[in-house]
N, C-alpha and C. Protein backbone atom coordinates (compact mmCIF):
# COMPACT_ATOMS: atom_id res chain seq x y z
N MET A 1 14.76 -24.64 -75.85
CA MET A 1 15.37 -24.58 -74.52
C MET A 1 16.94 -23.96 -74.62
N ASN A 2 17.48 -24.01 -75.73
CA ASN A 2 18.91 -23.58 -76.12
C ASN A 2 19.00 -22.10 -75.98
N PHE A 3 17.81 -21.20 -76.28
CA PHE A 3 17.62 -19.94 -75.87
C PHE A 3 17.67 -19.61 -74.86
N PHE A 4 16.97 -20.27 -73.78
CA PHE A 4 16.97 -20.05 -72.33
C PHE A 4 18.35 -20.28 -71.89
N THR A 5 18.95 -21.34 -72.24
CA THR A 5 20.21 -21.87 -71.76
C THR A 5 21.36 -20.73 -71.96
N ARG A 6 21.44 -20.17 -73.16
CA ARG A 6 22.22 -19.01 -73.50
C ARG A 6 21.91 -17.70 -72.85
N ARG A 7 20.58 -17.47 -72.46
CA ARG A 7 20.23 -16.16 -72.09
C ARG A 7 20.51 -16.31 -70.59
N PHE A 8 20.47 -17.32 -69.87
CA PHE A 8 20.57 -17.36 -68.45
C PHE A 8 22.06 -17.78 -68.12
N ALA A 9 22.73 -18.14 -69.13
CA ALA A 9 24.15 -18.42 -68.69
C ALA A 9 25.01 -17.25 -68.31
N LYS A 10 24.74 -16.04 -68.90
CA LYS A 10 25.37 -14.77 -68.45
C LYS A 10 24.82 -14.26 -66.83
N ALA A 11 23.50 -14.93 -66.51
CA ALA A 11 23.21 -14.36 -65.24
C ALA A 11 23.81 -15.17 -64.12
N PRO A 12 23.84 -14.64 -62.90
CA PRO A 12 24.25 -15.20 -61.63
C PRO A 12 23.39 -16.48 -61.48
N GLU A 13 24.06 -17.41 -60.57
CA GLU A 13 23.33 -18.77 -60.17
C GLU A 13 21.96 -18.61 -59.65
N GLY A 14 21.00 -19.20 -60.11
CA GLY A 14 19.61 -19.01 -59.54
C GLY A 14 18.55 -17.94 -60.01
N THR A 15 19.13 -17.38 -61.12
CA THR A 15 18.37 -16.22 -61.80
C THR A 15 17.22 -17.13 -62.38
N ALA A 16 17.71 -18.13 -63.36
CA ALA A 16 16.76 -19.00 -64.29
C ALA A 16 15.75 -19.67 -63.25
N THR A 17 16.13 -20.21 -62.21
CA THR A 17 15.26 -20.85 -61.12
C THR A 17 14.13 -19.82 -60.87
N LEU A 18 14.72 -18.54 -60.36
CA LEU A 18 13.60 -17.60 -60.03
C LEU A 18 12.61 -17.20 -61.06
N PHE A 19 13.20 -17.17 -62.38
CA PHE A 19 12.16 -17.10 -63.40
C PHE A 19 11.22 -18.03 -63.50
N PHE A 20 11.44 -19.26 -63.38
CA PHE A 20 10.35 -20.47 -63.41
C PHE A 20 9.58 -20.28 -62.32
N ILE A 21 10.08 -19.94 -61.12
CA ILE A 21 9.32 -20.07 -59.95
C ILE A 21 8.37 -18.86 -59.98
N GLN A 22 8.73 -17.83 -60.52
CA GLN A 22 7.86 -16.56 -60.87
C GLN A 22 6.52 -16.99 -61.68
N ILE A 23 6.80 -17.90 -62.61
CA ILE A 23 5.76 -18.28 -63.48
C ILE A 23 4.65 -19.05 -62.63
N PHE A 24 5.16 -20.00 -61.83
CA PHE A 24 4.31 -20.70 -61.29
C PHE A 24 3.68 -20.00 -59.91
N SER A 25 4.41 -19.16 -59.41
CA SER A 25 3.82 -18.50 -58.19
C SER A 25 2.70 -17.57 -58.50
N THR A 26 2.84 -17.09 -59.87
CA THR A 26 1.71 -15.99 -60.28
C THR A 26 0.71 -16.79 -60.98
N LEU A 27 0.84 -18.00 -61.23
CA LEU A 27 -0.46 -18.58 -61.99
C LEU A 27 -1.53 -18.95 -60.95
N GLY A 28 -1.36 -19.29 -59.65
CA GLY A 28 -2.44 -19.37 -58.83
C GLY A 28 -3.30 -18.18 -58.53
N PHE A 29 -2.34 -17.06 -58.32
CA PHE A 29 -3.02 -15.57 -58.29
C PHE A 29 -3.80 -15.36 -59.30
N ALA A 30 -3.33 -15.52 -60.86
CA ALA A 30 -4.25 -15.40 -61.78
C ALA A 30 -5.44 -16.24 -61.86
N VAL A 31 -5.37 -17.46 -61.56
CA VAL A 31 -6.54 -18.16 -61.37
C VAL A 31 -7.59 -17.51 -60.42
N LEU A 32 -7.21 -17.42 -59.31
CA LEU A 32 -8.14 -16.79 -58.26
C LEU A 32 -8.57 -15.26 -58.49
N TYR A 33 -7.76 -14.44 -59.12
CA TYR A 33 -8.11 -13.23 -59.50
C TYR A 33 -9.11 -13.22 -60.52
N SER A 34 -9.00 -14.11 -61.79
CA SER A 34 -9.80 -14.07 -62.62
C SER A 34 -11.31 -14.79 -62.44
N THR A 35 -11.16 -15.58 -61.37
CA THR A 35 -12.42 -16.47 -61.05
C THR A 35 -13.25 -16.15 -59.99
N LEU A 36 -12.64 -15.23 -59.21
CA LEU A 36 -13.18 -14.95 -57.69
C LEU A 36 -14.82 -14.79 -57.71
N VAL A 37 -15.05 -13.75 -58.52
CA VAL A 37 -16.44 -13.20 -58.62
C VAL A 37 -17.39 -14.33 -59.21
N LEU A 38 -17.03 -14.85 -60.32
CA LEU A 38 -17.86 -16.05 -60.78
C LEU A 38 -17.85 -17.31 -59.90
N TYR A 39 -17.02 -17.69 -59.40
CA TYR A 39 -17.11 -18.66 -58.36
C TYR A 39 -17.93 -18.36 -57.17
N ALA A 40 -17.97 -17.26 -56.57
CA ALA A 40 -18.58 -16.75 -55.38
C ALA A 40 -20.19 -16.68 -55.95
N THR A 41 -20.63 -16.14 -57.16
CA THR A 41 -21.83 -16.11 -57.42
C THR A 41 -22.40 -17.45 -58.01
N LYS A 42 -21.88 -18.12 -58.80
CA LYS A 42 -22.17 -19.18 -59.45
C LYS A 42 -22.23 -20.51 -58.74
N HIS A 43 -21.16 -20.82 -57.97
CA HIS A 43 -20.96 -21.95 -57.12
C HIS A 43 -21.31 -21.71 -55.68
N LEU A 44 -20.94 -20.68 -55.21
CA LEU A 44 -21.27 -20.57 -53.57
C LEU A 44 -22.62 -19.75 -53.61
N GLN A 45 -23.00 -19.37 -54.58
CA GLN A 45 -24.34 -18.84 -54.42
C GLN A 45 -24.41 -17.34 -53.80
N LEU A 46 -23.32 -16.42 -53.75
CA LEU A 46 -23.32 -15.52 -52.89
C LEU A 46 -23.91 -14.37 -53.96
N PRO A 47 -24.49 -13.25 -53.25
CA PRO A 47 -25.10 -12.03 -54.09
C PRO A 47 -24.08 -11.49 -54.84
N VAL A 48 -24.28 -10.80 -56.04
CA VAL A 48 -23.24 -10.12 -56.73
C VAL A 48 -22.69 -9.04 -55.93
N ARG A 49 -23.27 -8.24 -55.34
CA ARG A 49 -22.79 -7.35 -54.42
C ARG A 49 -21.65 -7.79 -53.55
N THR A 50 -22.11 -8.72 -52.72
CA THR A 50 -21.14 -9.47 -51.74
C THR A 50 -19.92 -10.01 -52.55
N ALA A 51 -20.03 -10.58 -53.65
CA ALA A 51 -19.03 -11.06 -54.31
C ALA A 51 -17.97 -10.06 -54.90
N THR A 52 -18.58 -8.96 -55.56
CA THR A 52 -17.81 -7.76 -55.86
C THR A 52 -16.98 -7.15 -54.85
N THR A 53 -17.79 -7.10 -53.77
CA THR A 53 -17.11 -6.34 -52.49
C THR A 53 -16.01 -7.31 -52.12
N LEU A 54 -16.13 -8.50 -51.99
CA LEU A 54 -15.15 -9.54 -51.77
C LEU A 54 -13.97 -9.22 -52.70
N MET A 55 -14.32 -9.04 -53.91
CA MET A 55 -13.18 -8.99 -54.91
C MET A 55 -12.27 -7.76 -54.52
N GLY A 56 -13.03 -6.64 -54.25
CA GLY A 56 -12.34 -5.42 -54.05
C GLY A 56 -11.55 -5.56 -52.78
N VAL A 57 -12.04 -6.30 -51.66
CA VAL A 57 -11.17 -6.51 -50.46
C VAL A 57 -10.10 -7.43 -50.74
N PHE A 58 -10.35 -8.30 -51.68
CA PHE A 58 -9.43 -9.24 -52.07
C PHE A 58 -8.07 -8.38 -52.82
N GLY A 59 -8.36 -7.63 -53.61
CA GLY A 59 -7.32 -6.61 -54.34
C GLY A 59 -6.60 -5.85 -53.11
N ALA A 60 -7.33 -5.13 -52.50
CA ALA A 60 -6.70 -4.19 -51.30
C ALA A 60 -5.88 -5.00 -50.43
N PHE A 61 -6.18 -6.04 -50.00
CA PHE A 61 -5.44 -6.88 -49.01
C PHE A 61 -4.19 -7.37 -49.72
N ASN A 62 -4.39 -7.89 -51.01
CA ASN A 62 -3.11 -8.36 -51.73
C ASN A 62 -2.03 -7.37 -51.79
N TYR A 63 -2.35 -6.09 -52.08
CA TYR A 63 -1.25 -5.15 -52.27
C TYR A 63 -0.94 -4.72 -50.76
N GLY A 64 -1.67 -4.40 -49.98
CA GLY A 64 -1.48 -4.22 -48.47
C GLY A 64 -0.35 -5.40 -47.89
N LEU A 65 -0.87 -6.38 -48.20
CA LEU A 65 0.09 -7.68 -47.53
C LEU A 65 1.32 -7.85 -48.35
N HIS A 66 1.54 -7.31 -49.36
CA HIS A 66 2.96 -7.24 -50.04
C HIS A 66 3.84 -6.17 -49.26
N LEU A 67 3.18 -5.21 -48.65
CA LEU A 67 4.04 -4.34 -47.90
C LEU A 67 4.39 -4.92 -46.62
N PHE A 68 3.64 -5.76 -45.97
CA PHE A 68 3.91 -6.50 -44.88
C PHE A 68 4.89 -7.57 -45.04
N GLY A 69 4.69 -8.24 -46.34
CA GLY A 69 5.50 -9.43 -46.49
C GLY A 69 7.09 -8.70 -46.73
N GLY A 70 7.22 -7.60 -47.41
CA GLY A 70 8.42 -6.94 -47.81
C GLY A 70 9.17 -6.53 -46.45
N TYR A 71 8.35 -6.10 -45.54
CA TYR A 71 9.02 -5.71 -44.19
C TYR A 71 9.37 -6.88 -43.32
N LEU A 72 8.54 -8.07 -43.37
CA LEU A 72 9.13 -9.22 -42.65
C LEU A 72 10.26 -9.47 -43.40
N GLY A 73 10.32 -9.65 -44.47
CA GLY A 73 11.54 -10.27 -45.41
C GLY A 73 12.80 -9.57 -45.16
N GLY A 74 12.56 -8.11 -44.91
CA GLY A 74 13.76 -7.35 -44.72
C GLY A 74 14.16 -7.11 -43.28
N ARG A 75 13.36 -7.46 -42.37
CA ARG A 75 13.70 -7.25 -41.09
C ARG A 75 13.94 -8.45 -40.18
N PHE A 76 13.13 -9.52 -40.36
CA PHE A 76 12.97 -10.73 -39.29
C PHE A 76 13.35 -12.02 -39.95
N LEU A 77 12.89 -12.23 -41.11
CA LEU A 77 13.15 -13.54 -41.60
C LEU A 77 13.73 -13.54 -42.94
N SER A 78 14.17 -14.61 -43.30
CA SER A 78 15.32 -14.57 -44.48
C SER A 78 13.92 -14.66 -45.76
N ASN A 79 14.34 -14.11 -46.89
CA ASN A 79 13.49 -14.15 -47.92
C ASN A 79 13.17 -15.56 -48.48
N ARG A 80 14.11 -16.34 -48.26
CA ARG A 80 13.82 -17.80 -48.65
C ARG A 80 12.79 -18.55 -47.85
N ASN A 81 13.00 -18.40 -46.57
CA ASN A 81 12.11 -19.16 -45.87
C ASN A 81 10.80 -18.43 -45.76
N LEU A 82 10.90 -17.07 -45.92
CA LEU A 82 9.34 -16.46 -46.07
C LEU A 82 8.82 -16.81 -47.27
N PHE A 83 9.52 -17.11 -48.41
CA PHE A 83 9.09 -17.55 -49.70
C PHE A 83 8.21 -18.90 -49.58
N VAL A 84 9.13 -19.80 -48.94
CA VAL A 84 8.67 -21.12 -48.86
C VAL A 84 7.41 -21.18 -48.03
N GLY A 85 7.36 -20.71 -46.85
CA GLY A 85 6.22 -20.52 -46.07
C GLY A 85 5.03 -19.81 -46.85
N GLY A 86 5.32 -18.64 -47.67
CA GLY A 86 4.21 -18.12 -48.37
C GLY A 86 3.64 -19.12 -49.64
N MET A 87 4.57 -19.81 -50.19
CA MET A 87 4.06 -20.76 -51.10
C MET A 87 3.09 -21.98 -50.48
N ALA A 88 3.43 -22.42 -49.28
CA ALA A 88 2.86 -23.42 -48.62
C ALA A 88 1.46 -22.80 -48.16
N LEU A 89 1.27 -21.68 -47.65
CA LEU A 89 0.11 -20.92 -47.47
C LEU A 89 -0.87 -20.90 -48.63
N GLN A 90 -0.11 -20.55 -50.06
CA GLN A 90 -0.91 -20.29 -51.06
C GLN A 90 -1.40 -21.80 -51.48
N VAL A 91 -0.75 -22.79 -51.38
CA VAL A 91 -1.10 -24.11 -51.82
C VAL A 91 -2.21 -24.48 -50.80
N PHE A 92 -2.07 -24.37 -49.46
CA PHE A 92 -3.14 -24.65 -48.53
C PHE A 92 -4.51 -24.04 -48.65
N GLY A 93 -4.41 -22.65 -49.12
CA GLY A 93 -5.41 -21.84 -49.41
C GLY A 93 -6.33 -22.11 -50.62
N CYS A 94 -5.53 -22.67 -51.77
CA CYS A 94 -6.17 -23.14 -52.98
C CYS A 94 -6.72 -24.36 -52.66
N ALA A 95 -6.19 -25.46 -51.87
CA ALA A 95 -6.77 -26.67 -51.67
C ALA A 95 -8.19 -26.43 -50.69
N CYS A 96 -8.06 -25.34 -49.71
CA CYS A 96 -9.18 -25.10 -48.88
C CYS A 96 -10.38 -24.59 -49.88
N ILE A 97 -10.02 -23.65 -51.09
CA ILE A 97 -11.17 -23.14 -51.79
C ILE A 97 -11.46 -24.29 -52.65
N ALA A 98 -10.90 -25.25 -53.19
CA ALA A 98 -11.36 -26.37 -53.98
C ALA A 98 -12.21 -27.19 -53.31
N THR A 99 -12.60 -27.20 -51.88
CA THR A 99 -13.55 -28.09 -51.37
C THR A 99 -14.92 -27.61 -51.91
N GLY A 100 -15.15 -26.28 -52.01
CA GLY A 100 -16.27 -25.87 -52.49
C GLY A 100 -17.24 -25.36 -51.38
N THR A 101 -16.79 -25.21 -50.14
CA THR A 101 -17.68 -24.87 -48.86
C THR A 101 -17.41 -23.51 -48.84
N LEU A 102 -18.46 -22.76 -48.31
CA LEU A 102 -18.31 -21.20 -48.03
C LEU A 102 -17.26 -20.98 -46.85
N ALA A 103 -17.50 -21.87 -45.70
CA ALA A 103 -16.76 -21.54 -44.65
C ALA A 103 -15.13 -21.79 -45.05
N LEU A 104 -14.75 -22.86 -45.82
CA LEU A 104 -13.37 -23.14 -46.08
C LEU A 104 -13.00 -22.10 -47.26
N PHE A 105 -13.94 -21.45 -47.95
CA PHE A 105 -13.62 -20.38 -49.00
C PHE A 105 -12.95 -19.27 -48.31
N TYR A 106 -13.62 -18.82 -47.32
CA TYR A 106 -12.92 -17.73 -46.52
C TYR A 106 -11.68 -18.09 -45.89
N VAL A 107 -11.70 -19.29 -45.29
CA VAL A 107 -10.23 -19.62 -44.63
C VAL A 107 -9.32 -19.79 -45.83
N GLY A 108 -9.65 -20.27 -46.97
CA GLY A 108 -8.60 -20.38 -48.13
C GLY A 108 -8.15 -19.00 -48.56
N LEU A 109 -9.05 -18.07 -48.79
CA LEU A 109 -8.73 -16.72 -49.00
C LEU A 109 -7.69 -16.15 -48.13
N ALA A 110 -8.01 -16.36 -47.11
CA ALA A 110 -7.08 -15.82 -45.86
C ALA A 110 -5.79 -16.34 -46.20
N PHE A 111 -5.58 -17.64 -46.02
CA PHE A 111 -4.17 -18.38 -46.17
C PHE A 111 -3.77 -17.83 -47.57
N PHE A 112 -4.43 -17.86 -48.58
CA PHE A 112 -3.91 -17.67 -50.12
C PHE A 112 -3.37 -16.12 -50.19
N LEU A 113 -4.20 -15.24 -49.75
CA LEU A 113 -3.60 -13.82 -49.53
C LEU A 113 -2.53 -13.54 -48.53
N THR A 114 -2.52 -14.29 -47.57
CA THR A 114 -1.31 -14.19 -46.89
C THR A 114 0.01 -14.63 -47.47
N GLY A 115 -0.18 -15.95 -48.07
CA GLY A 115 1.01 -16.43 -48.80
C GLY A 115 1.41 -15.57 -50.02
N SER A 116 0.25 -15.12 -50.73
CA SER A 116 0.75 -14.26 -51.79
C SER A 116 1.38 -12.99 -51.39
N GLY A 117 1.03 -12.40 -50.28
CA GLY A 117 1.52 -11.18 -49.75
C GLY A 117 2.90 -11.30 -49.46
N LEU A 118 3.21 -12.51 -48.63
CA LEU A 118 4.78 -12.83 -48.58
C LEU A 118 5.54 -13.14 -49.70
N ASN A 119 5.06 -13.77 -50.81
CA ASN A 119 5.80 -14.21 -51.93
C ASN A 119 6.31 -13.26 -52.77
N VAL A 120 5.48 -12.12 -53.36
CA VAL A 120 5.82 -11.19 -54.27
C VAL A 120 6.98 -10.35 -54.01
N THR A 121 7.25 -10.00 -52.92
CA THR A 121 8.35 -9.06 -52.43
C THR A 121 9.52 -10.07 -52.20
N CYS A 122 9.53 -11.21 -51.76
CA CYS A 122 10.48 -12.05 -51.41
C CYS A 122 11.37 -12.51 -52.88
N ILE A 123 10.42 -12.77 -53.81
CA ILE A 123 10.94 -13.14 -55.10
C ILE A 123 11.99 -12.01 -55.52
N ASN A 124 11.20 -10.94 -55.47
CA ASN A 124 11.98 -9.52 -56.00
C ASN A 124 13.24 -9.40 -55.17
N MET A 125 13.29 -9.64 -53.83
CA MET A 125 14.27 -9.45 -53.06
C MET A 125 15.45 -10.60 -53.31
N MET A 126 14.88 -11.75 -53.46
CA MET A 126 16.01 -12.87 -53.81
C MET A 126 16.71 -12.63 -55.00
N LEU A 127 15.90 -11.96 -55.86
CA LEU A 127 16.55 -11.57 -57.30
C LEU A 127 17.53 -10.46 -57.09
N THR A 128 17.16 -9.44 -56.44
CA THR A 128 18.06 -8.34 -56.03
C THR A 128 19.27 -8.69 -55.32
N GLN A 129 19.29 -9.78 -54.46
CA GLN A 129 20.54 -10.11 -53.66
C GLN A 129 21.54 -10.82 -54.73
N ARG A 130 21.03 -11.39 -55.90
CA ARG A 130 21.88 -11.91 -56.83
C ARG A 130 22.94 -10.84 -57.47
N PHE A 131 22.61 -9.83 -57.45
CA PHE A 131 23.42 -8.66 -58.21
C PHE A 131 23.81 -7.55 -57.21
N THR A 132 25.02 -7.03 -57.68
CA THR A 132 25.46 -5.88 -57.01
C THR A 132 24.70 -4.55 -57.77
N PRO A 133 24.60 -3.51 -57.02
CA PRO A 133 23.86 -2.29 -57.44
C PRO A 133 24.57 -2.05 -58.85
N GLU A 134 25.55 -2.17 -59.08
CA GLU A 134 26.15 -1.57 -60.38
C GLU A 134 26.09 -2.57 -61.43
N ASP A 135 25.63 -3.85 -61.28
CA ASP A 135 25.74 -4.94 -62.32
C ASP A 135 24.77 -4.45 -63.46
N PRO A 136 25.36 -4.39 -64.72
CA PRO A 136 24.36 -4.05 -65.91
C PRO A 136 23.44 -5.12 -66.01
N ARG A 137 23.64 -6.39 -65.75
CA ARG A 137 22.75 -7.59 -65.79
C ARG A 137 21.55 -7.49 -65.17
N ARG A 138 21.46 -6.80 -64.00
CA ARG A 138 20.41 -6.43 -63.20
C ARG A 138 19.08 -6.29 -63.86
N GLU A 139 19.25 -5.36 -64.47
CA GLU A 139 17.90 -4.78 -65.32
C GLU A 139 17.35 -5.83 -66.25
N GLY A 140 18.13 -6.40 -66.93
CA GLY A 140 17.74 -7.72 -67.88
C GLY A 140 17.10 -8.82 -67.10
N ALA A 141 17.62 -8.99 -65.63
CA ALA A 141 17.23 -10.15 -64.83
C ALA A 141 15.63 -9.72 -64.53
N PHE A 142 15.54 -8.51 -64.04
CA PHE A 142 14.25 -7.92 -63.60
C PHE A 142 13.21 -7.90 -64.80
N LEU A 143 13.80 -7.76 -66.06
CA LEU A 143 12.89 -7.78 -67.16
C LEU A 143 12.53 -9.28 -67.37
N TRP A 144 13.25 -10.25 -67.25
CA TRP A 144 12.95 -11.54 -67.34
C TRP A 144 11.92 -12.21 -66.28
N ASN A 145 12.36 -11.52 -65.06
CA ASN A 145 11.37 -11.61 -63.95
C ASN A 145 9.95 -11.33 -64.19
N TYR A 146 9.66 -10.00 -64.73
CA TYR A 146 8.18 -9.84 -64.96
C TYR A 146 8.01 -10.31 -66.26
N ALA A 147 8.66 -10.85 -67.14
CA ALA A 147 8.15 -11.51 -68.35
C ALA A 147 7.62 -12.89 -67.70
N GLY A 148 8.36 -13.47 -66.75
CA GLY A 148 7.76 -14.78 -66.13
C GLY A 148 6.41 -14.61 -65.46
N MET A 149 6.51 -13.42 -64.87
CA MET A 149 5.04 -13.20 -64.11
C MET A 149 3.90 -12.92 -65.23
N ASN A 150 4.16 -12.35 -66.39
CA ASN A 150 3.31 -12.13 -67.50
C ASN A 150 2.98 -13.61 -68.12
N VAL A 151 3.93 -14.41 -68.17
CA VAL A 151 3.35 -15.89 -68.51
C VAL A 151 2.61 -16.56 -67.85
N GLY A 152 3.00 -16.37 -66.53
CA GLY A 152 2.09 -17.11 -65.23
C GLY A 152 0.64 -16.42 -65.38
N PHE A 153 0.41 -15.12 -65.49
CA PHE A 153 -0.82 -14.63 -65.53
C PHE A 153 -1.56 -15.31 -66.97
N PHE A 154 -0.93 -15.13 -68.11
CA PHE A 154 -1.39 -15.62 -69.22
C PHE A 154 -1.84 -17.02 -69.24
N VAL A 155 -1.15 -17.92 -68.71
CA VAL A 155 -1.43 -19.25 -68.41
C VAL A 155 -2.51 -19.49 -67.41
N GLY A 156 -2.41 -18.72 -66.34
CA GLY A 156 -3.67 -18.73 -65.40
C GLY A 156 -4.94 -18.31 -65.87
N PHE A 157 -5.04 -17.15 -66.51
CA PHE A 157 -6.24 -16.73 -67.04
C PHE A 157 -6.78 -17.49 -68.13
N SER A 158 -5.81 -17.95 -68.96
CA SER A 158 -6.39 -18.82 -70.14
C SER A 158 -6.88 -20.21 -69.49
N VAL A 159 -6.11 -20.97 -68.59
CA VAL A 159 -6.91 -22.14 -68.20
C VAL A 159 -8.11 -21.72 -67.22
N ALA A 160 -8.04 -20.57 -66.61
CA ALA A 160 -9.26 -20.33 -65.92
C ALA A 160 -10.59 -20.02 -66.79
N GLY A 161 -10.29 -19.36 -67.96
CA GLY A 161 -11.27 -19.24 -68.73
C GLY A 161 -12.04 -20.50 -69.37
N HIS A 162 -11.19 -21.66 -69.38
CA HIS A 162 -11.84 -22.82 -69.89
C HIS A 162 -12.52 -23.40 -68.77
N PHE A 163 -11.85 -23.52 -67.65
CA PHE A 163 -12.68 -24.08 -66.34
C PHE A 163 -13.92 -23.29 -66.17
N GLN A 164 -13.82 -21.98 -66.37
CA GLN A 164 -15.16 -21.33 -66.08
C GLN A 164 -16.07 -21.50 -67.15
N ALA A 165 -15.87 -21.83 -68.09
CA ALA A 165 -16.85 -22.21 -69.30
C ALA A 165 -17.66 -23.47 -68.82
N THR A 166 -16.73 -24.39 -68.35
CA THR A 166 -17.45 -25.43 -67.92
C THR A 166 -17.98 -25.55 -66.60
N GLU A 167 -17.80 -24.62 -65.79
CA GLU A 167 -18.09 -24.46 -64.52
C GLU A 167 -17.51 -25.54 -63.50
N SER A 168 -16.27 -26.09 -63.70
CA SER A 168 -15.56 -26.99 -63.05
C SER A 168 -14.76 -26.38 -62.22
N TYR A 169 -15.18 -25.56 -61.21
CA TYR A 169 -14.29 -24.69 -60.37
C TYR A 169 -13.55 -25.48 -59.41
N SER A 170 -13.75 -26.66 -58.81
CA SER A 170 -13.24 -27.53 -57.95
C SER A 170 -11.84 -28.01 -58.57
N SER A 171 -12.04 -28.40 -60.02
CA SER A 171 -10.93 -28.82 -60.79
C SER A 171 -9.74 -27.70 -61.01
N LEU A 172 -10.52 -26.45 -61.40
CA LEU A 172 -9.66 -25.38 -61.65
C LEU A 172 -8.84 -24.99 -60.27
N PHE A 173 -9.42 -24.88 -59.04
CA PHE A 173 -8.54 -24.80 -57.95
C PHE A 173 -7.58 -25.75 -57.62
N ILE A 174 -7.98 -27.17 -57.82
CA ILE A 174 -6.84 -28.14 -57.83
C ILE A 174 -5.85 -27.89 -58.67
N PHE A 175 -6.05 -27.53 -59.92
CA PHE A 175 -5.11 -27.19 -60.75
C PHE A 175 -4.28 -25.92 -60.29
N ALA A 176 -4.78 -24.78 -59.76
CA ALA A 176 -4.16 -23.92 -59.09
C ALA A 176 -3.10 -24.43 -58.11
N THR A 177 -3.79 -25.44 -57.10
CA THR A 177 -2.84 -25.94 -56.12
C THR A 177 -1.72 -26.52 -56.62
N LEU A 178 -1.78 -27.56 -57.76
CA LEU A 178 -0.70 -28.13 -58.25
C LEU A 178 0.29 -27.23 -59.01
N GLY A 179 -0.29 -26.16 -59.50
CA GLY A 179 0.55 -25.28 -60.14
C GLY A 179 1.51 -24.26 -59.18
N ASN A 180 0.96 -24.17 -57.93
CA ASN A 180 1.76 -23.49 -57.07
C ASN A 180 2.93 -24.60 -56.45
């Protein structure tokens, strides 16, 4: 932990917190992204074509909602409030998906995608607000931000692989709920 203490001591207040928040906010997305097709086909018994189409729509809406979240955060709401609301939506979405029913699966996806779309740009904007445009530490902070994102993806994908092998999808989505 001494390494992190030294590394983040040079950064503005809140930068280290955003690093760890990035890890956990990415974890839930990684779990859902890596599990969606298998969960839809094996647990919910959806046809493969429907499951893969759903995955494509999930990916498209994910990126589209990032634009919408950035617009809201930049124009109407504070990034902090939008982020908290987005995390609450992600948690609620994972909890709905964990129930294992088809109806709540779709509701959960809608909540999760909306929350994820709001969060990603908000974290980056909150990090940007910590630095002046000329600050040489800014680039390093974004490097750590993306490193945190990669850690979250790695942990999420690894844990999802274990739960996929045992087909314990409800436990996996409960883990994602707690991770968020």
